[in-house]
Amino acid sequence: MAITLFEWVFARREYKPLDEKLLRHERIHIAQNREMAYLGFYLWYLLEFLIRLILYRGNGRKAYKNVSLEREAYRHDDDPSYIDNRSHYRWFKYIRGVGSEE
């Protein structure tokens, strides 16, 4: 539906205007981007996605849903106060638990 590149959120026209839940999800990615100096975010995301793709035997959707950066964003995109109270590198706690997200 949407993708965050650095500080900007992009979505196809049919998904606009973006709902608050999706915007919160993408704001979490913006915070992750900032704390990982942008390039680190994309390198980590790609590396973890590829590892999970192997672990899930080519199931791209399952690999995507289990990337720690996505797990944090999905877990907290219903909480309007999360981004204000979030501690740095919170996504790190979601690295373990492979398979706990469908």
C-alpha atoms as a PDB file:
ATOM      1  CA  MET A   1       0.000   0.000   0.000  1.00  0.00           C
ATOM      2  CA  ALA A   2       2.764   2.471   0.906  1.00  0.00           C
ATOM      3  CA  ILE A   3       6.530   2.664   1.128  1.00  0.00           C
ATOM      4  CA  THR A   4       8.771   4.954   3.113  1.00  0.00           C
ATOM      5  CA  LEU A   5      11.927   6.184   1.446  1.00  0.00           C
ATOM      6  CA  PHE A   6      14.050   8.160   3.861  1.00  0.00           C
ATOM      7  CA  GLU A   7      11.583  10.774   5.226  1.00  0.00           C
ATOM      8  CA  TRP A   8       8.869  10.459   2.603  1.00  0.00           C
ATOM      9  CA  VAL A   9       5.882   8.162   2.328  1.00  0.00           C
ATOM     10  CA  PHE A  10       4.760   7.133  -1.147  1.00  0.00           C
ATOM     11  CA  ALA A  11       1.477   5.442  -2.018  1.00  0.00           C
ATOM     12  CA  ARG A  12      -0.515   4.755  -5.139  1.00  0.00           C
ATOM     13  CA  ARG A  13      -3.362   7.170  -5.825  1.00  0.00           C
ATOM     14  CA  GLU A  14      -6.060   4.622  -5.052  1.00  0.00           C
ATOM     15  CA  TYR A  15      -4.803   4.394  -1.468  1.00  0.00           C
ATOM     16  CA  LYS A  16      -4.952   8.133  -0.800  1.00  0.00           C
ATOM     17  CA  PRO A  17      -5.725   9.691   1.525  1.00  0.00           C
ATOM     18  CA  LEU A  18      -3.765   7.370   3.793  1.00  0.00           C
ATOM     19  CA  ASP A  19      -5.525   6.280   6.959  1.00  0.00           C
ATOM     20  CA  GLU A  20      -4.059   7.014  10.394  1.00  0.00           C
ATOM     21  CA  LYS A  21      -3.029   3.419  11.054  1.00  0.00           C
ATOM     22  CA  LEU A  22      -0.962   3.254   7.866  1.00  0.00           C
ATOM     23  CA  LEU A  23       0.575   6.665   8.589  1.00  0.00           C
ATOM     24  CA  ARG A  24       1.571   5.514  12.093  1.00  0.00           C
ATOM     25  CA  HIS A  25       3.136   2.399  10.581  1.00  0.00           C
ATOM     26  CA  GLU A  26       5.166   4.498   8.153  1.00  0.00           C
ATOM     27  CA  ARG A  27       6.144   7.015  10.880  1.00  0.00           C
ATOM     28  CA  ILE A  28       7.653   4.126  12.821  1.00  0.00           C
ATOM     29  CA  HIS A  29       9.738   3.320   9.726  1.00  0.00           C
ATOM     30  CA  ILE A  30      10.823   6.968   9.529  1.00  0.00           C
ATOM     31  CA  ALA A  31      12.008   6.783  13.164  1.00  0.00           C
ATOM     32  CA  GLN A  32      13.864   3.542  12.381  1.00  0.00           C
ATOM     33  CA  ASN A  33      15.443   5.189   9.327  1.00  0.00           C
ATOM     34  CA  ARG A  34      16.689   8.131  11.374  1.00  0.00           C
ATOM     35  CA  GLU A  35      18.229   6.045  14.137  1.00  0.00           C
ATOM     36  CA  MET A  36      19.978   3.783  11.619  1.00  0.00           C
ATOM     37  CA  ALA A  37      21.294   6.718   9.544  1.00  0.00           C
ATOM     38  CA  TYR A  38      19.070   5.791   6.571  1.00  0.00           C
ATOM     39  CA  LEU A  39      21.543   3.609   4.705  1.00  0.00           C
ATOM     40  CA  GLY A  40      21.811   1.259   7.694  1.00  0.00           C
ATOM     41  CA  PHE A  41      18.035   0.835   7.655  1.00  0.00           C
ATOM     42  CA  TYR A  42      17.969  -0.345   4.032  1.00  0.00           C
ATOM     43  CA  LEU A  43      21.032  -2.566   4.386  1.00  0.00           C
ATOM     44  CA  TRP A  44      19.644  -4.206   7.531  1.00  0.00           C
ATOM     45  CA  TYR A  45      16.165  -4.585   5.984  1.00  0.00           C
ATOM     46  CA  LEU A  46      17.538  -6.255   2.860  1.00  0.00           C
ATOM     47  CA  LEU A  47      19.875  -8.569   4.753  1.00  0.00           C
ATOM     48  CA  GLU A  48      17.220  -9.653   7.245  1.00  0.00           C
ATOM     49  CA  PHE A  49      14.637 -10.112   4.487  1.00  0.00           C
ATOM     50  CA  LEU A  50      17.001 -12.356   2.508  1.00  0.00           C
ATOM     51  CA  ILE A  51      17.811 -14.442   5.583  1.00  0.00           C
ATOM     52  CA  ARG A  52      14.134 -14.843   6.413  1.00  0.00           C
ATOM     53  CA  LEU A  53      13.354 -15.673   2.789  1.00  0.00           C
ATOM     54  CA  ILE A  54      15.743 -18.613   3.114  1.00  0.00           C
ATOM     55  CA  LEU A  55      14.273 -19.588   6.502  1.00  0.00           C
ATOM     56  CA  TYR A  56      10.744 -19.515   5.069  1.00  0.00           C
ATOM     57  CA  ARG A  57      11.758 -21.408   1.912  1.00  0.00           C
ATOM     58  CA  GLY A  58      10.983 -18.657  -0.560  1.00  0.00           C
ATOM     59  CA  ASN A  59       7.753 -17.437   1.053  1.00  0.00           C
ATOM     60  CA  GLY A  60       8.224 -13.707   0.437  1.00  0.00           C
ATOM     61  CA  ARG A  61       5.132 -12.594   2.304  1.00  0.00           C
ATOM     62  CA  LYS A  62       6.098 -14.491   5.436  1.00  0.00           C
ATOM     63  CA  ALA A  63       9.692 -13.247   5.178  1.00  0.00           C
ATOM     64  CA  TYR A  64       8.449  -9.638   4.862  1.00  0.00           C
ATOM     65  CA  LYS A  65       6.055  -9.934   7.812  1.00  0.00           C
ATOM     66  CA  ASN A  66       8.856 -11.286  10.015  1.00  0.00           C
ATOM     67  CA  VAL A  67      11.498  -8.643   9.320  1.00  0.00           C
ATOM     68  CA  SER A  68      12.102  -7.091  12.753  1.00  0.00           C
ATOM     69  CA  LEU A  69      11.527  -3.551  11.426  1.00  0.00           C
ATOM     70  CA  GLU A  70       8.122  -4.577  10.057  1.00  0.00           C
ATOM     71  CA  ARG A  71       7.234  -6.540  13.180  1.00  0.00           C
ATOM     72  CA  GLU A  72       7.730  -3.465  15.334  1.00  0.00           C
ATOM     73  CA  ALA A  73       5.713  -1.273  12.951  1.00  0.00           C
ATOM     74  CA  TYR A  74       2.830  -3.750  12.646  1.00  0.00           C
ATOM     75  CA  ARG A  75       2.782  -4.420  16.393  1.00  0.00           C
ATOM     76  CA  HIS A  76       2.366  -0.734  17.245  1.00  0.00           C
ATOM     77  CA  ASP A  77       0.532   0.866  14.317  1.00  0.00           C
ATOM     78  CA  ASP A  78      -2.708   0.859  16.345  1.00  0.00           C
ATOM     79  CA  ASP A  79      -1.175   2.913  19.172  1.00  0.00           C
ATOM     80  CA  PRO A  80      -1.338   6.688  18.566  1.00  0.00           C
ATOM     81  CA  SER A  81       1.094   7.393  21.420  1.00  0.00           C
ATOM     82  CA  TYR A  82       3.722   4.802  20.466  1.00  0.00           C
ATOM     83  CA  ILE A  83       5.910   7.013  18.293  1.00  0.00           C
ATOM     84  CA  ASP A  84       6.126   9.637  21.054  1.00  0.00           C
ATOM     85  CA  ASN A  85       7.085   7.075  23.717  1.00  0.00           C
ATOM     86  CA  ARG A  86       9.214   4.755  21.598  1.00  0.00           C
ATOM     87  CA  SER A  87      12.759   4.078  22.752  1.00  0.00           C
ATOM     88  CA  HIS A  88      15.574   4.008  20.208  1.00  0.00           C
ATOM     89  CA  TYR A  89      16.320   0.702  18.469  1.00  0.00           C
ATOM     90  CA  ARG A  90      13.097  -0.817  19.786  1.00  0.00           C
ATOM     91  CA  TRP A  91      12.914  -2.970  16.640  1.00  0.00           C
ATOM     92  CA  PHE A  92      15.899  -4.938  17.925  1.00  0.00           C
ATOM     93  CA  LYS A  93      13.692  -6.854  20.361  1.00  0.00           C
ATOM     94  CA  TYR A  94      11.727  -8.248  17.389  1.00  0.00           C
ATOM     95  CA  ILE A  95      14.690 -10.026  15.807  1.00  0.00           C
ATOM     96  CA  ARG A  96      14.077 -13.174  17.818  1.00  0.00           C
ATOM     97  CA  GLY A  97      10.811 -15.027  17.583  1.00  0.00           C
ATOM     98  CA  VAL A  98      11.073 -16.288  14.043  1.00  0.00           C
ATOM     99  CA  GLY A  99       7.722 -17.627  12.980  1.00  0.00           C
ATOM    100  CA  SER A 100       5.664 -15.818  15.592  1.00  0.00           C
ATOM    101  CA  GLU A 101       4.114 -13.510  12.989  1.00  0.00           C
ATOM    102  CA  GLU A 102       1.986 -14.876  10.221  1.00  0.00           C
END
